[in-house]
Amino acid sequence: MDIDLTKGSLNEHFKKISIPASIGFLFNTFYNVVDSIYAGQLGTDALAGMAISFPIFFLIISISSGLGNGTTALSAIAIGKKDSLGFHNIAINVLVLGAIFGLIIPLLSPFYLEGLFSLTGASGSVLQVGLDYTNTILIGSMFFIFNNALYGMLSAQGLTKPFRNYLIAGFILNIILDPMLMYGWLGLPAMGVAGVALATVIIQFSGSIYLLYHVIKSNAFHSNILKKARVTFRTMRDILAQGIPASLNMATIAIGVFIINYFVLQYGGESTVAAYGVSMRIEQIALIPTIGLNVAVLSITGQNFGAENFERIDQTRQKGIKYGVIIMLIGTIIIWPLAPYLIRIFDSNPDVIAAGTLYLRIEAIAFTTYVFININVSILQGIKKPRFAIYLGIYRQILPIGIFYLLGTIFGWGVFGVWIGIVIINWSAVFISHYYTKHQLSLQKANQLITTI
């Protein structure tokens, strides 16, 4: 049953939406952890190869997540307005967009993939692993996008349990498929790291079928209204207007990781790149509960924006930040002393452990920044002001090149300078996003008052 997020207790809505979403994303992160553990069995080169492939993998995720977030926002707004045809128009158009992007991304890969990886300084077996892994992942681009779009239609209704169930099932299936395809069990050819990628493609395809089934079962879906829905450039434009800023924001993160990998290779070498890749997995686990909060904030904001209930949106922002800060402070307390032991789960190389421990302990200073930034971005997307995310992403991910060079080379701090640079940029971004979001909410309230008068 879908939830009317314009009424009732916000605390209850946060619990019903964010907890299933957080559990689902926790298992999704465990899924990635399993991939890293199996890849680590093939050696440090395999981990480093997967690390350099992360920006391209993240590009797929950014497009998928962007369209998914855009779908959530627009679907929630349509539900808040009681516009059932609008909901179905969004549904059919976003799936068409997913098919288009899902075909274009792998078809163009021969023109950019190897050259891009070479720019990081990767070569030999590390480069080959990165290519094998990424070329296989690209096959499933369409299913990544479909899954996020279908999840967007469900989360806009406050329904996050189906996606949770899919991610839990995917995690279990991945434990079986990874070694089966990597080592060639049951007579299958041994595919190495490419087998890890193929397991992901199979699971994503299965998820598309499962989530589509739940969308069709949801209260917002009506087959008789779907017949009236049309594929139009206007609806696609509206979806892209919401989705592209979110995608570009995440794409800047991929660019940022690419830039960090470049500086890390210069200052620390392949073992430090491997440590950074492993550390990001651990960091993702710590951030999982806040991802659930972001889903709740976007869904609640969208429905209340459609219902023109701006005071409730402000309350949603405050509660989201409060819960997120508490969660991340707990995560910081846990990770600080356990950092070397967590790194050792993935790689026993002393250099990797030392580099990963340094990163996690410095980055712990910035853990709470992700709460403020992501909650503010979710609020802005929910009120159809998504473009700010692009500018903030550029500020956080691309402009730091100068800071990394200054601290790493001019000051001579090396990798330590890169980690400190990340902390500085993130905290400054918190203050920028805070004041901009408060300003936009004030404008919405003022415009509503003027309209009422």
Protein backbone atom coordinates (compact mmCIF):
# COMPACT_ATOMS: atom_id res chain seq x y z
CA MET A 1 0.00 0.00 0.00
CA ASP A 2 1.35 3.42 -0.93
CA ILE A 3 1.75 6.13 1.73
CA ASP A 4 0.29 9.65 1.76
CA LEU A 5 3.40 11.57 2.75
CA THR A 6 1.54 14.88 2.99
CA LYS A 7 -0.11 13.75 6.21
CA GLY A 8 0.77 11.88 9.37
CA SER A 9 3.90 11.69 11.49
CA LEU A 10 7.15 12.57 9.75
CA ASN A 11 9.00 10.30 12.16
CA GLU A 12 6.84 7.38 11.02
CA HIS A 13 7.34 8.22 7.36
CA PHE A 14 11.10 8.39 7.82
CA LYS A 15 11.03 5.01 9.56
CA LYS A 16 8.83 3.29 6.95
CA ILE A 17 10.79 4.64 3.99
CA SER A 18 14.38 5.00 5.16
CA ILE A 19 14.82 1.78 7.13
CA PRO A 20 13.90 -0.62 4.26
CA ALA A 21 15.88 1.57 1.84
CA SER A 22 18.91 1.59 4.14
CA ILE A 23 18.77 -2.18 4.63
CA GLY A 24 18.56 -2.63 0.86
CA PHE A 25 21.50 -0.34 0.17
CA LEU A 26 23.46 -2.01 2.98
CA PHE A 27 23.14 -5.31 1.15
CA ASN A 28 23.99 -3.54 -2.10
CA THR A 29 27.21 -2.34 -0.51
CA PHE A 30 27.86 -5.81 0.88
CA TYR A 31 27.35 -6.93 -2.70
CA ASN A 32 30.20 -4.64 -3.77
CA VAL A 33 32.27 -5.81 -0.81
CA VAL A 34 31.85 -9.41 -1.97
CA ASP A 35 33.08 -8.37 -5.42
CA SER A 36 36.16 -6.76 -3.86
CA ILE A 37 36.89 -9.76 -1.64
CA TYR A 38 36.74 -12.18 -4.56
CA ALA A 39 38.79 -9.86 -6.76
CA GLY A 40 41.31 -9.56 -3.93
CA GLN A 41 41.84 -13.32 -4.14
CA LEU A 42 43.25 -12.73 -7.62
CA GLY A 43 45.81 -10.25 -6.25
CA THR A 44 46.43 -6.54 -5.71
CA ASP A 45 46.49 -5.94 -9.49
CA ALA A 46 42.88 -7.12 -9.68
CA LEU A 47 41.82 -4.71 -6.93
CA ALA A 48 43.72 -1.85 -8.57
CA GLY A 49 42.15 -2.70 -11.94
CA MET A 50 38.67 -2.57 -10.44
CA ALA A 51 39.58 0.71 -8.73
CA ILE A 52 40.54 2.42 -12.01
CA SER A 53 37.32 1.11 -13.59
CA PHE A 54 35.25 2.71 -10.85
CA PRO A 55 34.77 6.07 -12.63
CA ILE A 56 33.17 4.38 -15.67
CA PHE A 57 31.08 2.09 -13.48
CA PHE A 58 30.08 5.15 -11.50
CA LEU A 59 29.12 6.93 -14.71
CA ILE A 60 26.54 4.22 -15.35
CA ILE A 61 25.37 4.54 -11.76
CA SER A 62 25.17 8.32 -12.10
CA ILE A 63 22.93 8.15 -15.17
CA SER A 64 20.82 5.43 -13.54
CA SER A 65 20.57 7.22 -10.23
CA GLY A 66 19.92 10.59 -11.88
CA LEU A 67 16.99 9.27 -13.90
CA GLY A 68 15.83 7.35 -10.84
CA ASN A 69 15.92 10.45 -8.63
CA GLY A 70 14.19 12.47 -11.34
CA THR A 71 11.53 9.78 -11.57
CA THR A 72 11.07 9.79 -7.80
CA ALA A 73 10.71 13.57 -7.65
CA LEU A 74 8.32 13.93 -10.60
CA SER A 75 6.29 10.85 -9.65
CA ALA A 76 5.96 12.07 -6.06
CA ILE A 77 4.89 15.51 -7.26
CA ALA A 78 2.29 13.92 -9.56
CA ILE A 79 1.00 11.81 -6.66
CA GLY A 80 0.85 14.89 -4.42
CA LYS A 81 -1.20 16.65 -7.11
CA LYS A 82 -3.42 13.55 -7.56
CA ASP A 83 -2.36 13.49 -11.24
CA SER A 84 -2.55 9.80 -12.18
CA LEU A 85 -2.04 10.33 -15.93
CA GLY A 86 1.04 12.41 -15.18
CA PHE A 87 2.45 9.53 -13.12
CA HIS A 88 1.96 7.08 -16.01
CA ASN A 89 3.41 9.49 -18.56
CA ILE A 90 6.55 9.74 -16.44
CA ALA A 91 6.72 5.94 -16.12
CA ILE A 92 6.57 5.12 -19.81
CA ASN A 93 8.87 7.96 -20.89
CA VAL A 94 11.62 7.21 -18.38
CA LEU A 95 11.73 3.57 -19.51
CA VAL A 96 12.13 4.68 -23.12
CA LEU A 97 14.95 7.00 -22.04
CA GLY A 98 16.54 4.09 -20.15
CA ALA A 99 16.53 1.94 -23.28
CA ILE A 100 18.16 4.73 -25.31
CA PHE A 101 20.94 5.38 -22.79
CA GLY A 102 21.38 1.66 -22.20
CA LEU A 103 22.22 1.13 -25.86
CA ILE A 104 24.38 4.21 -26.42
CA ILE A 105 26.75 3.74 -23.46
CA PRO A 106 28.22 0.33 -24.46
CA LEU A 107 28.20 1.10 -28.20
CA LEU A 108 30.47 4.12 -27.68
CA SER A 109 32.86 2.45 -25.21
CA PRO A 110 35.51 1.42 -27.80
CA PHE A 111 36.10 5.10 -28.51
CA TYR A 112 36.93 6.21 -24.96
CA LEU A 113 37.55 3.37 -22.54
CA GLU A 114 41.20 2.35 -23.01
CA GLY A 115 42.40 5.91 -23.56
CA LEU A 116 40.66 7.08 -20.40
CA PHE A 117 42.19 4.35 -18.27
CA SER A 118 45.62 5.02 -19.73
CA LEU A 119 45.37 8.64 -18.59
CA THR A 120 45.42 7.47 -14.96
CA GLY A 121 48.85 5.99 -15.58
CA ALA A 122 47.56 2.41 -15.45
CA SER A 123 49.33 -0.14 -17.62
CA GLY A 124 49.97 -3.86 -18.01
CA SER A 125 47.80 -6.25 -16.05
CA VAL A 126 46.09 -3.46 -14.08
CA LEU A 127 44.91 -1.84 -17.32
CA GLN A 128 43.75 -5.17 -18.75
CA VAL A 129 41.75 -6.04 -15.63
CA GLY A 130 40.08 -2.64 -15.75
CA LEU A 131 39.11 -3.16 -19.39
CA ASP A 132 37.85 -6.73 -18.87
CA TYR A 133 35.70 -5.73 -15.92
CA THR A 134 34.27 -2.55 -17.43
CA ASN A 135 33.51 -3.93 -20.89
CA THR A 136 31.41 -6.66 -19.28
CA ILE A 137 29.60 -4.29 -16.91
CA LEU A 138 28.64 -2.03 -19.81
CA ILE A 139 26.53 -4.84 -21.28
CA GLY A 140 24.07 -4.39 -18.41
CA SER A 141 23.80 -0.59 -18.61
CA MET A 142 20.12 -0.70 -19.60
CA PHE A 143 19.15 -2.84 -16.62
CA PHE A 144 20.92 -0.54 -14.16
CA ILE A 145 18.82 2.34 -15.51
CA PHE A 146 15.56 0.38 -15.56
CA ASN A 147 16.04 -0.70 -11.95
CA ASN A 148 16.58 2.84 -10.71
CA ALA A 149 13.64 4.18 -12.72
CA LEU A 150 11.31 1.45 -11.43
CA TYR A 151 12.56 2.05 -7.91
CA GLY A 152 11.83 5.75 -8.39
CA MET A 153 8.19 4.96 -9.20
CA LEU A 154 7.93 2.84 -6.06
CA SER A 155 9.78 5.12 -3.64
CA ALA A 156 7.62 8.08 -4.77
CA GLN A 157 4.75 6.11 -3.20
CA GLY A 158 6.75 5.42 -0.05
CA LEU A 159 7.34 1.81 -1.17
CA THR A 160 10.98 0.87 -0.56
CA LYS A 161 10.55 -2.74 0.57
CA PRO A 162 10.49 -4.30 -2.94
CA PHE A 163 13.85 -2.74 -3.79
CA ARG A 164 15.19 -3.88 -0.42
CA ASN A 165 14.09 -7.44 -1.12
CA TYR A 166 15.70 -7.38 -4.57
CA LEU A 167 19.01 -6.12 -3.18
CA ILE A 168 19.07 -8.76 -0.45
CA ALA A 169 18.34 -11.51 -2.98
CA GLY A 170 20.95 -10.03 -5.34
CA PHE A 171 23.57 -10.11 -2.58
CA ILE A 172 22.92 -13.80 -1.88
CA LEU A 173 22.94 -14.70 -5.56
CA ASN A 174 26.18 -12.75 -6.05
CA ILE A 175 27.96 -14.86 -3.43
CA ILE A 176 27.17 -17.89 -5.59
CA LEU A 177 27.68 -16.43 -9.05
CA ASP A 178 30.96 -14.58 -8.41
CA PRO A 179 33.15 -17.64 -7.75
CA MET A 180 31.17 -19.75 -10.22
CA LEU A 181 31.95 -17.40 -13.10
CA MET A 182 35.33 -16.19 -11.84
CA TYR A 183 36.84 -19.67 -11.34
CA GLY A 184 34.73 -21.55 -13.88
CA TRP A 185 32.71 -23.94 -11.73
CA LEU A 186 30.30 -26.52 -13.20
CA GLY A 187 32.20 -26.65 -16.47
CA LEU A 188 31.92 -22.92 -17.14
CA PRO A 189 35.00 -21.10 -18.49
CA ALA A 190 37.08 -19.29 -15.87
CA MET A 191 36.49 -15.59 -16.56
CA GLY A 192 38.46 -13.95 -13.75
CA VAL A 193 37.36 -10.42 -12.88
CA ALA A 194 35.11 -10.37 -15.98
CA GLY A 195 33.08 -13.12 -14.28
CA VAL A 196 32.48 -10.81 -11.33
CA ALA A 197 31.08 -8.24 -13.77
CA LEU A 198 28.92 -10.79 -15.60
CA ALA A 199 27.34 -11.89 -12.30
CA THR A 200 26.30 -8.26 -11.78
CA VAL A 201 24.72 -8.05 -15.23
CA ILE A 202 22.67 -11.21 -14.62
CA ILE A 203 21.44 -9.94 -11.25
CA GLN A 204 20.53 -6.51 -12.65
CA PHE A 205 18.45 -8.14 -15.39
CA SER A 206 16.59 -10.23 -12.81
CA GLY A 207 15.94 -7.10 -10.77
CA SER A 208 14.30 -5.32 -13.70
CA ILE A 209 11.72 -8.08 -14.01
CA TYR A 210 11.04 -8.20 -10.26
CA LEU A 211 10.67 -4.42 -9.81
CA LEU A 212 8.44 -4.07 -12.87
CA TYR A 213 6.12 -6.63 -11.32
CA HIS A 214 5.85 -4.55 -8.14
CA VAL A 215 5.24 -1.31 -10.02
CA ILE A 216 2.34 -2.97 -11.84
CA LYS A 217 0.98 -4.17 -8.47
CA SER A 218 1.26 -0.73 -6.80
CA ASN A 219 -1.78 1.45 -6.06
CA ALA A 220 -0.53 4.27 -8.30
CA PHE A 221 -0.47 2.02 -11.37
CA HIS A 222 -3.65 1.55 -13.42
CA SER A 223 -3.56 -0.31 -16.73
CA ASN A 224 -6.50 1.65 -18.12
CA ILE A 225 -4.68 4.96 -17.49
CA LEU A 226 -1.42 3.54 -18.87
CA LYS A 227 -3.21 3.12 -22.22
CA LYS A 228 -3.68 6.90 -22.31
CA ALA A 229 -0.01 7.63 -21.55
CA ARG A 230 2.15 8.78 -24.46
CA VAL A 231 5.85 8.96 -25.24
CA THR A 232 6.46 12.67 -25.79
CA PHE A 233 9.49 14.92 -26.05
CA ARG A 234 7.94 17.24 -23.49
CA THR A 235 7.72 14.56 -20.80
CA MET A 236 11.21 13.31 -21.66
CA ARG A 237 12.47 16.88 -21.37
CA ASP A 238 10.87 17.22 -17.94
CA ILE A 239 12.46 13.97 -16.78
CA LEU A 240 15.85 14.98 -18.15
CA ALA A 241 15.53 18.42 -16.58
CA GLN A 242 15.24 16.68 -13.22
CA GLY A 243 17.52 13.74 -13.94
CA ILE A 244 20.45 15.31 -15.78
CA PRO A 245 21.51 17.61 -12.91
CA ALA A 246 21.45 14.64 -10.53
CA SER A 247 23.36 12.52 -13.06
CA LEU A 248 25.91 15.24 -13.68
CA ASN A 249 26.34 15.71 -9.95
CA MET A 250 27.15 12.02 -9.60
CA ALA A 251 29.23 12.12 -12.79
CA THR A 252 31.38 14.81 -11.19
CA ILE A 253 31.96 12.33 -8.38
CA ALA A 254 33.21 9.84 -10.98
CA ILE A 255 35.46 12.56 -12.41
CA GLY A 256 36.57 13.38 -8.88
CA VAL A 257 37.52 9.75 -8.24
CA PHE A 258 39.41 9.75 -11.55
CA ILE A 259 41.28 12.89 -10.45
CA ILE A 260 42.02 11.45 -7.01
CA ASN A 261 43.27 8.20 -8.60
CA TYR A 262 45.60 10.27 -10.77
CA PHE A 263 47.12 12.14 -7.82
CA VAL A 264 47.25 9.00 -5.68
CA LEU A 265 49.14 7.14 -8.40
CA GLN A 266 51.60 10.02 -8.61
CA TYR A 267 52.16 10.26 -4.86
CA GLY A 268 51.59 6.73 -3.61
CA GLY A 269 51.53 4.16 -6.41
CA GLU A 270 49.27 1.21 -7.15
CA SER A 271 49.07 -0.06 -3.55
CA THR A 272 47.63 3.29 -2.47
CA VAL A 273 45.11 3.23 -5.32
CA ALA A 274 44.04 -0.24 -4.19
CA ALA A 275 43.76 1.08 -0.61
CA TYR A 276 41.62 3.99 -1.79
CA GLY A 277 39.30 1.63 -3.69
CA VAL A 278 38.89 -0.62 -0.64
CA SER A 279 38.44 2.36 1.70
CA MET A 280 35.60 3.68 -0.44
CA ARG A 281 33.79 0.37 0.04
CA ILE A 282 34.06 0.77 3.81
CA GLU A 283 33.03 4.40 3.60
CA GLN A 284 29.95 3.41 1.61
CA ILE A 285 28.87 1.06 4.40
CA ALA A 286 29.09 3.90 6.94
CA LEU A 287 27.00 6.11 4.66
CA ILE A 288 24.27 3.52 4.02
CA PRO A 289 21.75 4.74 6.62
CA THR A 290 22.00 8.28 5.28
CA ILE A 291 21.15 7.03 1.78
CA GLY A 292 17.87 5.76 3.20
CA LEU A 293 17.31 9.21 4.70
CA ASN A 294 17.92 10.81 1.29
CA VAL A 295 15.26 8.57 -0.27
CA ALA A 296 12.79 9.52 2.45
CA VAL A 297 13.57 13.24 2.16
CA LEU A 298 13.14 13.24 -1.63
CA SER A 299 9.86 11.28 -1.54
CA ILE A 300 8.33 13.33 1.29
CA THR A 301 9.48 16.62 -0.26
CA GLY A 302 8.12 15.71 -3.70
CA GLN A 303 4.65 14.80 -2.49
CA ASN A 304 4.44 17.89 -0.27
CA PHE A 305 5.70 20.13 -3.07
CA GLY A 306 2.90 18.77 -5.24
CA ALA A 307 0.46 19.51 -2.40
CA GLU A 308 2.08 22.95 -1.81
CA ASN A 309 2.86 22.15 1.83
CA PHE A 310 6.15 24.03 2.21
CA GLU A 311 6.25 24.15 6.00
CA ARG A 312 6.30 20.36 6.06
CA ILE A 313 9.21 20.37 3.60
CA ASP A 314 11.24 22.54 5.99
CA GLN A 315 10.44 20.16 8.84
CA THR A 316 11.53 17.24 6.67
CA ARG A 317 14.89 18.87 6.03
CA GLN A 318 15.53 19.51 9.71
CA LYS A 319 14.64 15.97 10.75
CA GLY A 320 16.68 14.43 7.94
CA ILE A 321 19.80 16.35 8.97
CA LYS A 322 19.28 15.56 12.66
CA TYR A 323 18.97 11.82 12.08
CA GLY A 324 21.86 11.79 9.61
CA VAL A 325 24.32 13.59 11.86
CA ILE A 326 23.59 11.21 14.74
CA ILE A 327 24.15 8.19 12.47
CA MET A 328 27.43 9.49 11.04
CA LEU A 329 28.84 10.40 14.44
CA ILE A 330 28.25 6.80 15.50
CA GLY A 331 29.95 5.61 12.29
CA THR A 332 32.96 7.83 12.95
CA ILE A 333 33.38 6.45 16.48
CA ILE A 334 33.31 2.89 15.12
CA ILE A 335 35.57 3.32 12.09
CA TRP A 336 38.39 5.31 13.70
CA PRO A 337 39.84 2.50 15.88
CA LEU A 338 38.86 -0.35 13.54
CA ALA A 339 40.25 1.14 10.30
CA PRO A 340 43.30 -1.15 9.87
CA TYR A 341 41.29 -4.27 10.68
CA LEU A 342 38.59 -3.31 8.18
CA ILE A 343 41.17 -2.79 5.42
CA ARG A 344 42.76 -6.16 6.24
CA ILE A 345 39.49 -7.91 5.35
CA PHE A 346 40.12 -7.02 1.71
CA ASP A 347 43.90 -7.03 1.39
CA SER A 348 46.70 -8.20 3.70
CA ASN A 349 49.36 -6.12 1.93
CA PRO A 350 50.94 -3.92 4.68
CA ASP A 351 51.23 -0.94 2.29
CA VAL A 352 47.54 -1.18 1.40
CA ILE A 353 46.57 -1.43 5.08
CA ALA A 354 48.67 1.58 6.06
CA ALA A 355 47.40 3.75 3.20
CA GLY A 356 43.77 2.75 3.74
CA THR A 357 43.96 3.40 7.49
CA LEU A 358 45.35 6.89 6.91
CA TYR A 359 42.58 7.69 4.44
CA LEU A 360 39.73 6.46 6.66
CA ARG A 361 40.96 8.26 9.76
CA ILE A 362 41.34 11.56 7.96
CA GLU A 363 38.09 11.17 6.02
CA ALA A 364 36.23 10.47 9.29
CA ILE A 365 36.49 14.21 9.94
CA ALA A 366 34.27 14.76 6.91
CA PHE A 367 31.72 11.97 7.38
CA THR A 368 28.94 14.27 8.57
CA THR A 369 29.44 16.59 5.58
CA TYR A 370 27.78 14.03 3.31
CA VAL A 371 24.62 14.25 5.41
CA PHE A 372 24.24 18.02 5.07
CA ILE A 373 25.12 18.05 1.37
CA ASN A 374 22.93 15.12 0.30
CA ILE A 375 19.88 16.15 2.34
CA ASN A 376 20.05 19.67 0.88
CA VAL A 377 20.40 18.31 -2.66
CA SER A 378 17.40 15.98 -2.10
CA ILE A 379 15.29 18.90 -0.87
CA LEU A 380 16.21 20.97 -3.92
CA GLN A 381 15.38 18.15 -6.30
CA GLY A 382 12.05 17.58 -4.57
CA ILE A 383 11.07 21.23 -5.15
CA LYS A 384 12.21 21.06 -8.80
CA LYS A 385 15.42 23.04 -8.27
CA PRO A 386 17.96 20.37 -9.22
CA ARG A 387 20.57 22.40 -11.12
CA PHE A 388 22.42 23.57 -8.03
CA ALA A 389 23.68 19.99 -7.61
CA ILE A 390 25.73 20.35 -10.80
CA TYR A 391 27.54 23.47 -9.62
CA LEU A 392 28.14 22.00 -6.18
CA GLY A 393 29.46 18.81 -7.79
CA ILE A 394 31.90 20.77 -9.94
CA TYR A 395 33.06 22.71 -6.89
CA ARG A 396 33.59 19.55 -4.82
CA GLN A 397 35.09 17.25 -7.44
CA ILE A 398 36.84 19.19 -10.20
CA LEU A 399 38.09 22.43 -8.65
CA PRO A 400 40.09 20.51 -5.99
CA ILE A 401 42.74 19.77 -8.64
CA GLY A 402 44.44 22.98 -7.60
CA ILE A 403 44.18 22.15 -3.90
CA PHE A 404 45.56 18.63 -4.40
CA TYR A 405 48.51 20.01 -6.34
CA LEU A 406 49.10 22.77 -3.79
CA LEU A 407 49.01 20.49 -0.75
CA GLY A 408 50.50 17.42 -2.39
CA THR A 409 53.28 18.94 -4.49
CA ILE A 410 53.93 22.53 -3.41
CA PHE A 411 53.59 21.78 0.32
CA GLY A 412 55.11 18.33 -0.19
CA TRP A 413 52.39 16.48 1.73
CA GLY A 414 51.83 13.86 -1.00
CA VAL A 415 48.83 11.58 -0.47
CA PHE A 416 48.19 13.17 2.94
CA GLY A 417 47.58 16.47 1.12
CA VAL A 418 44.98 14.82 -1.13
CA TRP A 419 43.05 13.48 1.86
CA ILE A 420 43.17 16.84 3.68
CA GLY A 421 42.03 18.57 0.47
CA ILE A 422 38.90 16.40 0.36
CA VAL A 423 38.02 17.39 3.93
CA ILE A 424 38.47 21.12 3.28
CA ILE A 425 36.36 21.09 0.12
CA ASN A 426 33.54 19.08 1.69
CA TRP A 427 33.12 21.30 4.74
CA SER A 428 33.07 24.45 2.62
CA ALA A 429 30.43 22.81 0.39
CA VAL A 430 28.26 22.22 3.47
CA PHE A 431 28.00 25.94 4.17
CA ILE A 432 27.30 26.77 0.52
CA SER A 433 24.51 24.17 0.19
CA HIS A 434 23.00 25.14 3.55
CA TYR A 435 22.48 28.80 2.72
CA TYR A 436 21.32 28.15 -0.85
CA THR A 437 18.70 25.61 0.24
CA LYS A 438 17.39 27.86 3.01
CA HIS A 439 17.12 30.68 0.47
CA GLN A 440 15.15 28.55 -2.01
CA LEU A 441 12.72 27.35 0.65
CA SER A 442 12.16 30.94 1.77
CA LEU A 443 11.38 31.92 -1.83
CA GLN A 444 8.85 29.08 -2.16
CA LYS A 445 7.07 30.17 1.01
CA ALA A 446 7.07 33.81 -0.11
CA ASN A 447 5.64 32.89 -3.53
CA GLN A 448 2.93 30.80 -1.89
CA LEU A 449 2.01 33.74 0.36
CA ILE A 450 1.82 36.10 -2.62
CA THR A 451 -0.35 33.63 -4.55
CA THR A 452 -2.67 33.24 -1.56
CA ILE A 453 -3.07 36.97 -1.17
